[in-house]
N, C-alpha and C. Protein backbone atom coordinates (compact mmCIF):
# COMPACT_ATOMS: atom_id res chain seq x y z
N MET A 1 96.75 -145.70 29.86
CA MET A 1 97.26 -147.03 29.54
C MET A 1 97.85 -147.05 28.13
N ILE A 2 99.01 -147.67 27.99
CA ILE A 2 99.67 -147.76 26.70
C ILE A 2 99.07 -148.91 25.89
N LYS A 3 98.77 -148.64 24.63
CA LYS A 3 98.22 -149.68 23.76
C LYS A 3 99.11 -149.84 22.53
N LEU A 4 99.29 -151.10 22.14
CA LEU A 4 99.99 -151.41 20.90
C LEU A 4 98.95 -151.61 19.81
N SER A 5 99.17 -150.98 18.65
CA SER A 5 98.23 -151.10 17.53
C SER A 5 99.01 -151.59 16.31
N PRO A 6 99.21 -152.90 16.18
CA PRO A 6 100.02 -153.43 15.07
C PRO A 6 99.39 -153.13 13.71
N SER A 7 100.22 -152.66 12.79
CA SER A 7 99.75 -152.26 11.47
C SER A 7 99.84 -153.42 10.49
N ILE A 8 98.68 -153.86 10.00
CA ILE A 8 98.68 -155.00 9.09
C ILE A 8 99.17 -154.65 7.69
N LEU A 9 99.54 -153.39 7.45
CA LEU A 9 100.15 -153.04 6.18
C LEU A 9 101.40 -153.88 5.94
N SER A 10 102.05 -154.29 7.03
CA SER A 10 103.27 -155.10 6.93
C SER A 10 103.01 -156.59 7.08
N ALA A 11 101.76 -156.99 7.24
CA ALA A 11 101.43 -158.40 7.45
C ALA A 11 101.51 -159.19 6.14
N ASN A 12 101.52 -160.50 6.28
CA ASN A 12 101.44 -161.41 5.14
C ASN A 12 99.97 -161.63 4.81
N PHE A 13 99.49 -161.05 3.72
CA PHE A 13 98.07 -161.10 3.42
C PHE A 13 97.59 -162.48 2.99
N VAL A 14 98.51 -163.34 2.64
CA VAL A 14 98.14 -164.73 2.36
C VAL A 14 97.69 -165.41 3.66
N ARG A 15 98.26 -164.97 4.78
CA ARG A 15 97.95 -165.57 6.08
C ARG A 15 97.40 -164.52 7.05
N LEU A 16 96.62 -163.59 6.54
CA LEU A 16 96.20 -162.45 7.35
C LEU A 16 95.40 -162.86 8.58
N GLU A 17 94.43 -163.74 8.44
CA GLU A 17 93.64 -164.15 9.60
C GLU A 17 94.52 -164.81 10.65
N GLU A 18 95.44 -165.64 10.21
CA GLU A 18 96.36 -166.31 11.14
C GLU A 18 97.20 -165.28 11.90
N GLU A 19 97.67 -164.27 11.20
CA GLU A 19 98.51 -163.26 11.86
C GLU A 19 97.68 -162.42 12.84
N ILE A 20 96.43 -162.15 12.50
CA ILE A 20 95.55 -161.43 13.43
C ILE A 20 95.29 -162.28 14.67
N LYS A 21 95.16 -163.58 14.50
CA LYS A 21 94.93 -164.47 15.65
C LYS A 21 96.14 -164.49 16.58
N ILE A 22 97.34 -164.32 16.04
CA ILE A 22 98.53 -164.20 16.89
C ILE A 22 98.40 -162.97 17.79
N LEU A 23 97.95 -161.86 17.21
CA LEU A 23 97.77 -160.64 18.00
C LEU A 23 96.74 -160.88 19.11
N GLU A 24 95.66 -161.54 18.78
CA GLU A 24 94.62 -161.83 19.78
C GLU A 24 95.17 -162.66 20.92
N ARG A 25 95.95 -163.70 20.59
CA ARG A 25 96.50 -164.58 21.63
C ARG A 25 97.42 -163.82 22.57
N GLU A 26 98.06 -162.77 22.06
CA GLU A 26 98.96 -161.97 22.89
C GLU A 26 98.24 -160.85 23.62
N GLY A 27 96.92 -160.83 23.52
CA GLY A 27 96.13 -159.84 24.27
C GLY A 27 96.11 -158.46 23.66
N ILE A 28 96.49 -158.33 22.39
CA ILE A 28 96.47 -157.03 21.73
C ILE A 28 95.02 -156.61 21.50
N GLU A 29 94.69 -155.37 21.83
CA GLU A 29 93.31 -154.89 21.69
C GLU A 29 93.04 -154.24 20.35
N TYR A 30 94.05 -153.56 19.78
CA TYR A 30 93.87 -152.79 18.56
C TYR A 30 94.56 -153.47 17.38
N VAL A 31 93.99 -153.34 16.20
CA VAL A 31 94.69 -153.65 14.96
C VAL A 31 94.57 -152.43 14.05
N HIS A 32 95.71 -151.97 13.54
CA HIS A 32 95.78 -150.74 12.76
C HIS A 32 95.62 -151.07 11.28
N ILE A 33 94.67 -150.40 10.63
CA ILE A 33 94.35 -150.68 9.23
C ILE A 33 94.53 -149.41 8.40
N ASP A 34 95.49 -149.43 7.49
CA ASP A 34 95.78 -148.27 6.64
C ASP A 34 94.98 -148.36 5.35
N VAL A 35 94.19 -147.32 5.10
CA VAL A 35 93.36 -147.25 3.90
C VAL A 35 93.93 -146.13 3.01
N MET A 36 94.50 -146.51 1.87
CA MET A 36 95.15 -145.54 0.98
C MET A 36 94.46 -145.54 -0.39
N ASP A 37 94.35 -144.36 -0.98
CA ASP A 37 93.57 -144.24 -2.21
C ASP A 37 94.40 -143.99 -3.47
N GLY A 38 95.72 -143.89 -3.34
CA GLY A 38 96.55 -143.60 -4.50
C GLY A 38 96.51 -142.15 -4.94
N MET A 39 95.80 -141.31 -4.19
CA MET A 39 95.70 -139.88 -4.51
C MET A 39 96.26 -139.03 -3.38
N PHE A 40 95.74 -139.22 -2.18
CA PHE A 40 96.29 -138.48 -1.04
C PHE A 40 97.72 -138.93 -0.76
N VAL A 41 97.95 -140.23 -0.94
CA VAL A 41 99.30 -140.80 -0.90
C VAL A 41 99.48 -141.60 -2.19
N PRO A 42 100.73 -141.84 -2.61
CA PRO A 42 100.93 -142.50 -3.90
C PRO A 42 100.62 -143.99 -3.92
N ASN A 43 100.46 -144.58 -2.77
CA ASN A 43 100.21 -146.02 -2.71
C ASN A 43 98.71 -146.31 -2.63
N ILE A 44 98.33 -147.54 -2.93
CA ILE A 44 96.97 -148.03 -2.77
C ILE A 44 97.03 -149.24 -1.86
N SER A 45 96.12 -149.30 -0.88
CA SER A 45 96.20 -150.41 0.06
C SER A 45 94.83 -151.04 0.29
N ILE A 46 94.47 -151.21 1.54
CA ILE A 46 93.31 -151.99 1.93
C ILE A 46 92.01 -151.25 1.66
N GLY A 47 91.04 -151.96 1.08
CA GLY A 47 89.74 -151.38 0.81
C GLY A 47 88.64 -152.07 1.60
N MET A 48 87.42 -151.77 1.23
CA MET A 48 86.24 -152.21 2.00
C MET A 48 86.09 -153.73 2.09
N PRO A 49 86.29 -154.50 1.01
CA PRO A 49 86.12 -155.95 1.12
C PRO A 49 87.06 -156.60 2.14
N VAL A 50 88.30 -156.09 2.19
CA VAL A 50 89.26 -156.65 3.15
C VAL A 50 88.84 -156.32 4.58
N ILE A 51 88.41 -155.08 4.81
CA ILE A 51 87.97 -154.70 6.16
C ILE A 51 86.74 -155.51 6.56
N LYS A 52 85.85 -155.74 5.65
CA LYS A 52 84.66 -156.56 5.93
C LYS A 52 85.08 -157.96 6.37
N SER A 53 86.08 -158.53 5.71
CA SER A 53 86.57 -159.85 6.08
C SER A 53 87.26 -159.85 7.43
N ILE A 54 88.04 -158.79 7.71
CA ILE A 54 88.72 -158.68 9.00
C ILE A 54 87.70 -158.58 10.13
N ARG A 55 86.65 -157.79 9.90
CA ARG A 55 85.62 -157.62 10.93
C ARG A 55 84.97 -158.95 11.28
N LYS A 56 84.77 -159.81 10.29
CA LYS A 56 84.18 -161.13 10.54
C LYS A 56 85.13 -162.04 11.30
N ALA A 57 86.44 -161.78 11.16
CA ALA A 57 87.45 -162.68 11.72
C ALA A 57 87.86 -162.33 13.14
N THR A 58 87.54 -161.13 13.62
CA THR A 58 88.03 -160.72 14.94
C THR A 58 87.10 -159.70 15.60
N ASN A 59 87.17 -159.69 16.93
CA ASN A 59 86.46 -158.67 17.72
C ASN A 59 87.41 -157.57 18.18
N MET A 60 88.65 -157.59 17.71
CA MET A 60 89.60 -156.55 18.07
C MET A 60 89.11 -155.19 17.61
N VAL A 61 89.59 -154.13 18.25
CA VAL A 61 89.27 -152.76 17.85
C VAL A 61 89.92 -152.50 16.50
N LEU A 62 89.12 -152.16 15.50
CA LEU A 62 89.65 -151.81 14.18
C LEU A 62 90.00 -150.33 14.17
N ASP A 63 91.28 -150.07 14.27
CA ASP A 63 91.85 -148.73 14.33
C ASP A 63 92.18 -148.32 12.89
N THR A 64 91.23 -147.65 12.24
CA THR A 64 91.29 -147.42 10.80
C THR A 64 91.88 -146.04 10.49
N HIS A 65 92.92 -146.03 9.70
CA HIS A 65 93.63 -144.79 9.35
C HIS A 65 93.38 -144.48 7.88
N PHE A 66 92.55 -143.45 7.63
CA PHE A 66 92.21 -143.03 6.28
C PHE A 66 93.32 -142.16 5.71
N MET A 67 93.90 -142.59 4.61
CA MET A 67 94.81 -141.73 3.84
C MET A 67 94.17 -141.55 2.47
N ILE A 68 93.02 -140.86 2.48
CA ILE A 68 92.22 -140.69 1.27
C ILE A 68 91.73 -139.25 1.14
N VAL A 69 91.62 -138.80 -0.09
CA VAL A 69 91.12 -137.45 -0.37
C VAL A 69 89.63 -137.39 -0.07
N GLU A 70 89.21 -136.32 0.59
CA GLU A 70 87.79 -136.10 0.93
C GLU A 70 87.17 -137.33 1.60
N PRO A 71 87.66 -137.68 2.77
CA PRO A 71 87.17 -138.88 3.45
C PRO A 71 85.68 -138.85 3.75
N GLU A 72 85.10 -137.65 3.76
CA GLU A 72 83.66 -137.55 4.02
C GLU A 72 82.83 -138.37 3.03
N ARG A 73 83.41 -138.68 1.87
CA ARG A 73 82.69 -139.47 0.85
C ARG A 73 82.43 -140.91 1.29
N TYR A 74 83.23 -141.39 2.26
CA TYR A 74 83.19 -142.82 2.58
C TYR A 74 82.87 -143.13 4.04
N ILE A 75 82.62 -142.11 4.84
CA ILE A 75 82.43 -142.33 6.28
C ILE A 75 81.30 -143.31 6.54
N ASP A 76 80.17 -143.15 5.90
CA ASP A 76 79.02 -144.03 6.15
C ASP A 76 79.37 -145.49 5.87
N GLU A 77 80.07 -145.73 4.76
CA GLU A 77 80.42 -147.10 4.40
C GLU A 77 81.33 -147.74 5.44
N PHE A 78 82.31 -146.98 5.90
CA PHE A 78 83.25 -147.56 6.86
C PHE A 78 82.62 -147.74 8.24
N ILE A 79 81.68 -146.89 8.58
CA ILE A 79 80.91 -147.10 9.81
C ILE A 79 80.14 -148.42 9.71
N SER A 80 79.51 -148.64 8.56
CA SER A 80 78.70 -149.85 8.39
C SER A 80 79.55 -151.11 8.37
N LEU A 81 80.82 -150.99 8.01
CA LEU A 81 81.71 -152.15 8.02
C LEU A 81 82.13 -152.57 9.42
N GLY A 82 81.91 -151.68 10.40
CA GLY A 82 82.26 -152.02 11.78
C GLY A 82 83.58 -151.48 12.26
N CYS A 83 84.11 -150.46 11.59
CA CYS A 83 85.34 -149.82 12.08
C CYS A 83 85.05 -149.15 13.42
N ASP A 84 85.93 -149.34 14.38
CA ASP A 84 85.71 -148.80 15.73
C ASP A 84 86.29 -147.40 15.90
N ILE A 85 87.45 -147.18 15.29
CA ILE A 85 88.09 -145.87 15.29
C ILE A 85 88.26 -145.45 13.83
N ILE A 86 87.75 -144.28 13.48
CA ILE A 86 87.91 -143.76 12.13
C ILE A 86 88.77 -142.50 12.23
N ASN A 87 89.94 -142.61 11.64
CA ASN A 87 90.98 -141.62 11.80
C ASN A 87 91.29 -141.01 10.44
N PHE A 88 91.02 -139.73 10.26
CA PHE A 88 91.20 -139.10 8.95
C PHE A 88 92.24 -137.99 9.02
N HIS A 89 92.83 -137.67 7.88
CA HIS A 89 93.88 -136.66 7.83
C HIS A 89 93.31 -135.25 7.81
N PHE A 90 93.88 -134.41 8.65
CA PHE A 90 93.53 -132.99 8.66
C PHE A 90 93.69 -132.39 7.27
N GLU A 91 94.74 -132.81 6.56
CA GLU A 91 95.09 -132.19 5.28
C GLU A 91 94.20 -132.64 4.12
N ALA A 92 93.38 -133.67 4.35
CA ALA A 92 92.66 -134.31 3.24
C ALA A 92 91.26 -133.75 3.01
N THR A 93 90.82 -132.81 3.85
CA THR A 93 89.44 -132.36 3.77
C THR A 93 89.30 -130.93 4.29
N LYS A 94 88.19 -130.30 3.94
CA LYS A 94 87.82 -129.01 4.52
C LYS A 94 86.58 -129.16 5.40
N LYS A 95 86.10 -130.39 5.54
CA LYS A 95 84.86 -130.64 6.27
C LYS A 95 85.13 -131.37 7.58
N HIS A 96 86.06 -130.83 8.35
CA HIS A 96 86.51 -131.50 9.56
C HIS A 96 85.38 -131.75 10.56
N MET A 97 84.62 -130.72 10.90
CA MET A 97 83.58 -130.89 11.91
C MET A 97 82.43 -131.75 11.40
N GLU A 98 82.12 -131.66 10.14
CA GLU A 98 81.07 -132.51 9.56
C GLU A 98 81.44 -133.99 9.73
N ILE A 99 82.70 -134.32 9.47
CA ILE A 99 83.17 -135.70 9.62
C ILE A 99 83.15 -136.12 11.08
N ILE A 100 83.67 -135.26 11.94
CA ILE A 100 83.72 -135.57 13.37
C ILE A 100 82.32 -135.85 13.90
N GLU A 101 81.38 -134.99 13.57
CA GLU A 101 80.01 -135.14 14.08
C GLU A 101 79.34 -136.41 13.56
N LYS A 102 79.59 -136.74 12.30
CA LYS A 102 78.99 -137.95 11.73
C LYS A 102 79.53 -139.20 12.43
N ILE A 103 80.83 -139.24 12.67
CA ILE A 103 81.43 -140.41 13.34
C ILE A 103 80.94 -140.51 14.78
N LYS A 104 80.89 -139.39 15.47
CA LYS A 104 80.41 -139.37 16.85
C LYS A 104 78.94 -139.82 16.93
N LYS A 105 78.14 -139.36 15.99
CA LYS A 105 76.72 -139.71 15.99
C LYS A 105 76.53 -141.22 15.85
N ALA A 106 77.46 -141.88 15.19
CA ALA A 106 77.40 -143.33 15.01
C ALA A 106 78.01 -144.08 16.19
N ASN A 107 78.37 -143.34 17.25
CA ASN A 107 78.97 -143.94 18.45
C ASN A 107 80.30 -144.65 18.16
N LYS A 108 81.04 -144.10 17.23
CA LYS A 108 82.39 -144.58 16.94
C LYS A 108 83.40 -143.55 17.45
N LYS A 109 84.62 -143.98 17.63
CA LYS A 109 85.67 -143.05 18.05
C LYS A 109 86.25 -142.37 16.81
N VAL A 110 86.60 -141.10 17.00
CA VAL A 110 87.11 -140.31 15.89
C VAL A 110 88.52 -139.83 16.17
N GLY A 111 89.37 -139.97 15.16
CA GLY A 111 90.74 -139.49 15.26
C GLY A 111 91.07 -138.55 14.11
N MET A 112 92.07 -137.70 14.34
CA MET A 112 92.56 -136.82 13.28
C MET A 112 94.08 -136.98 13.19
N THR A 113 94.56 -137.13 11.97
CA THR A 113 95.97 -137.38 11.72
C THR A 113 96.64 -136.15 11.12
N ILE A 114 97.91 -135.95 11.49
CA ILE A 114 98.69 -134.88 10.87
C ILE A 114 99.99 -135.46 10.29
N LYS A 115 100.32 -134.96 9.10
CA LYS A 115 101.55 -135.37 8.42
C LYS A 115 102.76 -134.69 9.08
N PRO A 116 103.96 -135.18 8.79
CA PRO A 116 105.16 -134.62 9.44
C PRO A 116 105.35 -133.12 9.27
N ASN A 117 104.94 -132.56 8.15
CA ASN A 117 105.17 -131.13 7.92
C ASN A 117 104.01 -130.25 8.36
N THR A 118 102.97 -130.84 8.95
CA THR A 118 101.83 -130.06 9.42
C THR A 118 102.07 -129.61 10.86
N ASP A 119 101.87 -128.33 11.11
CA ASP A 119 102.01 -127.78 12.46
C ASP A 119 100.90 -128.34 13.34
N TYR A 120 101.26 -128.85 14.51
CA TYR A 120 100.27 -129.44 15.42
C TYR A 120 99.20 -128.41 15.81
N LYS A 121 99.53 -127.12 15.77
CA LYS A 121 98.57 -126.09 16.17
C LYS A 121 97.36 -126.04 15.24
N GLU A 122 97.51 -126.56 14.04
CA GLU A 122 96.40 -126.58 13.08
C GLU A 122 95.20 -127.37 13.61
N ILE A 123 95.46 -128.39 14.42
CA ILE A 123 94.35 -129.24 14.87
C ILE A 123 93.83 -128.88 16.26
N LEU A 124 94.43 -127.90 16.90
CA LEU A 124 94.00 -127.54 18.25
C LEU A 124 92.53 -127.11 18.32
N PRO A 125 91.98 -126.43 17.31
CA PRO A 125 90.55 -126.07 17.38
C PRO A 125 89.62 -127.28 17.41
N PHE A 126 90.11 -128.44 16.99
CA PHE A 126 89.27 -129.63 16.91
C PHE A 126 89.51 -130.63 18.05
N ILE A 127 90.60 -130.45 18.77
CA ILE A 127 91.08 -131.53 19.62
C ILE A 127 90.11 -131.90 20.74
N LYS A 128 89.33 -130.93 21.22
CA LYS A 128 88.38 -131.24 22.29
C LYS A 128 87.26 -132.16 21.82
N HIS A 129 87.10 -132.29 20.51
CA HIS A 129 86.06 -133.15 19.95
C HIS A 129 86.59 -134.55 19.59
N LEU A 130 87.89 -134.74 19.71
CA LEU A 130 88.53 -135.96 19.23
C LEU A 130 88.77 -136.97 20.34
N ASP A 131 88.77 -138.23 19.97
CA ASP A 131 89.18 -139.30 20.88
C ASP A 131 90.66 -139.60 20.74
N LEU A 132 91.22 -139.21 19.60
CA LEU A 132 92.59 -139.60 19.30
C LEU A 132 93.20 -138.64 18.28
N VAL A 133 94.48 -138.33 18.48
CA VAL A 133 95.27 -137.61 17.49
C VAL A 133 96.39 -138.54 17.05
N LEU A 134 96.57 -138.68 15.76
CA LEU A 134 97.64 -139.52 15.22
C LEU A 134 98.72 -138.63 14.63
N VAL A 135 99.92 -138.75 15.19
CA VAL A 135 101.08 -138.02 14.69
C VAL A 135 101.87 -138.96 13.79
N MET A 136 101.99 -138.60 12.52
CA MET A 136 102.80 -139.40 11.61
C MET A 136 104.28 -139.07 11.82
N SER A 137 105.06 -140.11 12.06
CA SER A 137 106.50 -139.93 12.26
C SER A 137 107.29 -140.42 11.05
N VAL A 138 106.57 -140.63 9.94
CA VAL A 138 107.13 -140.82 8.61
C VAL A 138 106.15 -140.16 7.63
N GLU A 139 106.57 -140.02 6.38
CA GLU A 139 105.62 -139.55 5.38
C GLU A 139 104.61 -140.67 5.10
N PRO A 140 103.32 -140.39 5.17
CA PRO A 140 102.33 -141.45 4.99
C PRO A 140 102.35 -142.03 3.58
N GLY A 141 102.04 -143.34 3.52
CA GLY A 141 101.91 -143.96 2.21
C GLY A 141 102.66 -145.26 2.02
N PHE A 142 103.74 -145.45 2.79
CA PHE A 142 104.54 -146.66 2.64
C PHE A 142 105.04 -147.13 4.00
N GLY A 143 105.12 -148.43 4.20
CA GLY A 143 105.69 -148.99 5.41
C GLY A 143 107.21 -149.06 5.30
N GLY A 144 107.86 -149.33 6.44
CA GLY A 144 109.30 -149.58 6.44
C GLY A 144 110.18 -148.35 6.42
N GLN A 145 109.63 -147.15 6.63
CA GLN A 145 110.45 -145.92 6.64
C GLN A 145 111.09 -145.70 8.02
N SER A 146 112.09 -144.86 8.05
CA SER A 146 112.79 -144.54 9.30
C SER A 146 112.04 -143.48 10.09
N PHE A 147 112.07 -143.62 11.39
CA PHE A 147 111.41 -142.70 12.31
C PHE A 147 112.00 -141.30 12.21
N MET A 148 111.13 -140.28 12.16
CA MET A 148 111.56 -138.89 12.12
C MET A 148 111.64 -138.34 13.54
N GLU A 149 112.83 -138.02 13.98
CA GLU A 149 113.05 -137.58 15.36
C GLU A 149 112.31 -136.28 15.69
N ASN A 150 112.10 -135.43 14.70
CA ASN A 150 111.44 -134.15 14.99
C ASN A 150 109.96 -134.32 15.36
N SER A 151 109.42 -135.51 15.18
CA SER A 151 108.03 -135.75 15.60
C SER A 151 107.90 -135.75 17.13
N LEU A 152 109.00 -135.95 17.84
CA LEU A 152 108.94 -136.01 19.30
C LEU A 152 108.50 -134.67 19.89
N GLU A 153 108.97 -133.57 19.31
CA GLU A 153 108.56 -132.25 19.81
C GLU A 153 107.07 -132.03 19.63
N LYS A 154 106.54 -132.50 18.53
CA LYS A 154 105.11 -132.36 18.24
C LYS A 154 104.28 -133.19 19.24
N ILE A 155 104.75 -134.40 19.51
CA ILE A 155 104.07 -135.27 20.48
C ILE A 155 104.06 -134.61 21.86
N SER A 156 105.20 -134.10 22.27
CA SER A 156 105.32 -133.45 23.59
C SER A 156 104.40 -132.24 23.69
N ALA A 157 104.34 -131.44 22.63
CA ALA A 157 103.49 -130.24 22.65
C ALA A 157 102.01 -130.62 22.74
N LEU A 158 101.62 -131.66 22.02
CA LEU A 158 100.23 -132.11 22.08
C LEU A 158 99.89 -132.68 23.44
N ARG A 159 100.81 -133.44 24.02
CA ARG A 159 100.57 -134.00 25.35
C ARG A 159 100.41 -132.89 26.38
N LYS A 160 101.24 -131.85 26.29
CA LYS A 160 101.14 -130.72 27.21
C LYS A 160 99.79 -130.04 27.06
N TYR A 161 99.35 -129.81 25.83
CA TYR A 161 98.07 -129.14 25.58
C TYR A 161 96.92 -129.99 26.13
N ILE A 162 96.93 -131.27 25.86
CA ILE A 162 95.87 -132.17 26.32
C ILE A 162 95.79 -132.19 27.84
N ASN A 163 96.94 -132.29 28.48
CA ASN A 163 96.96 -132.33 29.95
C ASN A 163 96.52 -131.01 30.57
N GLU A 164 97.01 -129.91 30.01
CA GLU A 164 96.67 -128.60 30.57
C GLU A 164 95.20 -128.26 30.42
N ASN A 165 94.55 -128.85 29.42
CA ASN A 165 93.13 -128.58 29.17
C ASN A 165 92.22 -129.71 29.65
N ASN A 166 92.80 -130.64 30.42
CA ASN A 166 92.04 -131.75 31.03
C ASN A 166 91.23 -132.53 30.00
N LEU A 167 91.85 -132.79 28.85
CA LEU A 167 91.20 -133.56 27.79
C LEU A 167 91.58 -135.04 27.92
N THR A 168 90.78 -135.88 27.29
CA THR A 168 91.02 -137.33 27.38
C THR A 168 91.51 -137.91 26.06
N CYS A 169 91.91 -137.08 25.15
CA CYS A 169 92.34 -137.49 23.82
C CYS A 169 93.64 -138.30 23.87
N ASP A 170 93.63 -139.47 23.23
CA ASP A 170 94.84 -140.28 23.11
C ASP A 170 95.77 -139.67 22.07
N ILE A 171 97.07 -139.97 22.20
CA ILE A 171 98.04 -139.61 21.17
C ILE A 171 98.62 -140.89 20.60
N GLU A 172 98.37 -141.09 19.32
CA GLU A 172 98.87 -142.26 18.59
C GLU A 172 100.04 -141.80 17.72
N VAL A 173 101.02 -142.68 17.56
CA VAL A 173 102.18 -142.38 16.72
C VAL A 173 102.40 -143.53 15.76
N ASP A 174 102.66 -143.18 14.50
CA ASP A 174 102.77 -144.19 13.44
C ASP A 174 103.94 -143.85 12.54
N GLY A 175 104.89 -144.79 12.45
CA GLY A 175 105.96 -144.64 11.48
C GLY A 175 107.35 -144.89 12.02
N GLY A 176 107.95 -145.98 11.61
CA GLY A 176 109.35 -146.23 11.95
C GLY A 176 109.61 -146.60 13.40
N ILE A 177 108.57 -147.00 14.12
CA ILE A 177 108.77 -147.31 15.54
C ILE A 177 109.27 -148.75 15.70
N LYS A 178 110.32 -148.88 16.51
CA LYS A 178 110.94 -150.18 16.78
C LYS A 178 111.29 -150.25 18.26
N LEU A 179 111.74 -151.42 18.68
CA LEU A 179 112.08 -151.59 20.10
C LEU A 179 113.14 -150.59 20.56
N ASP A 180 114.05 -150.20 19.67
CA ASP A 180 115.15 -149.34 20.10
C ASP A 180 114.80 -147.85 20.13
N ASN A 181 113.57 -147.48 19.69
CA ASN A 181 113.21 -146.06 19.79
C ASN A 181 111.84 -145.82 20.43
N VAL A 182 111.13 -146.87 20.79
CA VAL A 182 109.77 -146.70 21.32
C VAL A 182 109.79 -145.94 22.65
N ASN A 183 110.88 -146.08 23.43
CA ASN A 183 110.97 -145.36 24.70
C ASN A 183 110.86 -143.85 24.49
N LYS A 184 111.49 -143.34 23.44
CA LYS A 184 111.46 -141.90 23.16
C LYS A 184 110.03 -141.42 22.91
N VAL A 185 109.28 -142.22 22.18
CA VAL A 185 107.91 -141.87 21.83
C VAL A 185 107.02 -141.87 23.07
N LEU A 186 107.23 -142.85 23.93
CA LEU A 186 106.45 -142.94 25.17
C LEU A 186 106.81 -141.80 26.11
N GLU A 187 108.08 -141.50 26.22
CA GLU A 187 108.53 -140.39 27.08
C GLU A 187 107.96 -139.06 26.61
N ALA A 188 107.78 -138.91 25.30
CA ALA A 188 107.22 -137.67 24.75
C ALA A 188 105.74 -137.53 25.07
N GLY A 189 105.06 -138.67 25.34
CA GLY A 189 103.66 -138.58 25.74
C GLY A 189 102.67 -139.38 24.93
N ALA A 190 103.15 -140.16 23.97
CA ALA A 190 102.24 -140.99 23.18
C ALA A 190 101.75 -142.17 24.02
N ASN A 191 100.52 -142.63 23.74
CA ASN A 191 100.01 -143.79 24.48
C ASN A 191 99.35 -144.85 23.59
N VAL A 192 99.32 -144.61 22.27
CA VAL A 192 98.90 -145.64 21.32
C VAL A 192 100.02 -145.75 20.29
N ILE A 193 100.61 -146.94 20.20
CA ILE A 193 101.83 -147.10 19.42
C ILE A 193 101.58 -148.04 18.25
N VAL A 194 101.75 -147.49 17.04
CA VAL A 194 101.60 -148.30 15.83
C VAL A 194 102.96 -148.89 15.47
N VAL A 195 102.97 -150.21 15.31
CA VAL A 195 104.20 -150.91 14.90
C VAL A 195 103.83 -151.85 13.76
N GLY A 196 104.58 -151.78 12.67
CA GLY A 196 104.30 -152.64 11.52
C GLY A 196 105.37 -153.67 11.29
N SER A 197 106.41 -153.28 10.55
CA SER A 197 107.43 -154.23 10.13
C SER A 197 108.18 -154.85 11.31
N ASP A 198 108.33 -154.13 12.39
CA ASP A 198 109.09 -154.66 13.53
C ASP A 198 108.37 -155.84 14.19
N ILE A 199 107.09 -156.00 13.93
CA ILE A 199 106.35 -157.18 14.39
C ILE A 199 106.17 -158.18 13.26
N PHE A 200 105.57 -157.73 12.16
CA PHE A 200 105.13 -158.68 11.14
C PHE A 200 106.25 -159.24 10.29
N GLU A 201 107.40 -158.59 10.27
CA GLU A 201 108.51 -159.15 9.51
C GLU A 201 109.41 -160.05 10.34
N LYS A 202 109.02 -160.23 11.62
CA LYS A 202 109.77 -161.13 12.50
C LYS A 202 109.15 -162.53 12.46
N GLU A 203 110.00 -163.54 12.54
CA GLU A 203 109.52 -164.91 12.55
C GLU A 203 108.72 -165.19 13.81
N ASP A 204 109.26 -164.72 14.96
CA ASP A 204 108.60 -164.96 16.25
C ASP A 204 107.88 -163.68 16.69
N LYS A 205 106.66 -163.52 16.23
CA LYS A 205 105.90 -162.30 16.50
C LYS A 205 105.49 -162.21 17.97
N SER A 206 105.21 -163.34 18.58
CA SER A 206 104.77 -163.34 19.98
C SER A 206 105.86 -162.79 20.90
N THR A 207 107.10 -163.17 20.65
CA THR A 207 108.20 -162.70 21.49
C THR A 207 108.38 -161.20 21.37
N ILE A 208 108.32 -160.66 20.15
CA ILE A 208 108.53 -159.22 19.98
C ILE A 208 107.39 -158.44 20.61
N ILE A 209 106.17 -158.96 20.54
CA ILE A 209 105.03 -158.29 21.19
C ILE A 209 105.24 -158.26 22.70
N LYS A 210 105.69 -159.36 23.25
CA LYS A 210 105.97 -159.41 24.70
C LYS A 210 107.04 -158.40 25.08
N GLN A 211 108.03 -158.21 24.23
CA GLN A 211 109.10 -157.24 24.52
C GLN A 211 108.54 -155.82 24.54
N TYR A 212 107.64 -155.52 23.61
CA TYR A 212 107.00 -154.19 23.64
C TYR A 212 106.19 -154.02 24.92
N ASN A 213 105.44 -155.02 25.29
CA ASN A 213 104.60 -154.92 26.48
C ASN A 213 105.42 -154.75 27.75
N GLU A 214 106.59 -155.35 27.79
CA GLU A 214 107.47 -155.17 28.93
C GLU A 214 107.95 -153.72 29.03
N ILE A 215 108.26 -153.11 27.90
CA ILE A 215 108.66 -151.70 27.89
C ILE A 215 107.49 -150.83 28.36
N PHE A 216 106.29 -151.15 27.90
CA PHE A 216 105.10 -150.34 28.24
C PHE A 216 104.85 -150.30 29.74
N LYS A 217 105.24 -151.35 30.45
CA LYS A 217 105.00 -151.41 31.89
C LYS A 217 105.74 -150.31 32.65
N ASN A 218 106.75 -149.74 32.02
CA ASN A 218 107.54 -148.68 32.69
C ASN A 218 106.90 -147.31 32.56
N PHE A 219 105.75 -147.23 31.87
CA PHE A 219 105.14 -145.92 31.61
C PHE A 219 103.71 -145.87 32.11
């Protein structure tokens, strides 16, 4: 099943709860939360107090994307905040299995993210332990970038590997996705789609969400 995971990095934080309620009314299950530390990526974004407030405001799945150095330092805190999916970068740590096991032990879903220049084969030793792989189709750290077409080959290769090995791992894609290119991502094999500015920068968010859902019905 295809899922839309709107990224609140592009939301209006003055009206964040209101914008999350729009997603709920449209039946969206996931909300994508980017956590940046200013070290792994040059930007700084959402931290623990904001996630705590979001958790109180909604029962949606908190799809949390860590863009932080040594994420193992913060796993316990984010578990306690109620994050449902904890997704960390392959490139940010050397303690991959330690992180995976800790998240699994807490009965949370675990994801691993790869940057555009990382070979997808790097994560194959871990993929059987994962609930989700996130392929970045832009350089992580900032919203509003253009989609990188070469990410499609990576998505296709991961989908082939997952299917051939009878795994249940989702493929999420994040970066530059809009109505005019989402078909390519779905055809390549992704099934969790992160969209930021194409939803939150539109006046009529409900209509654009409906348009995405209509496209998803074809896959």
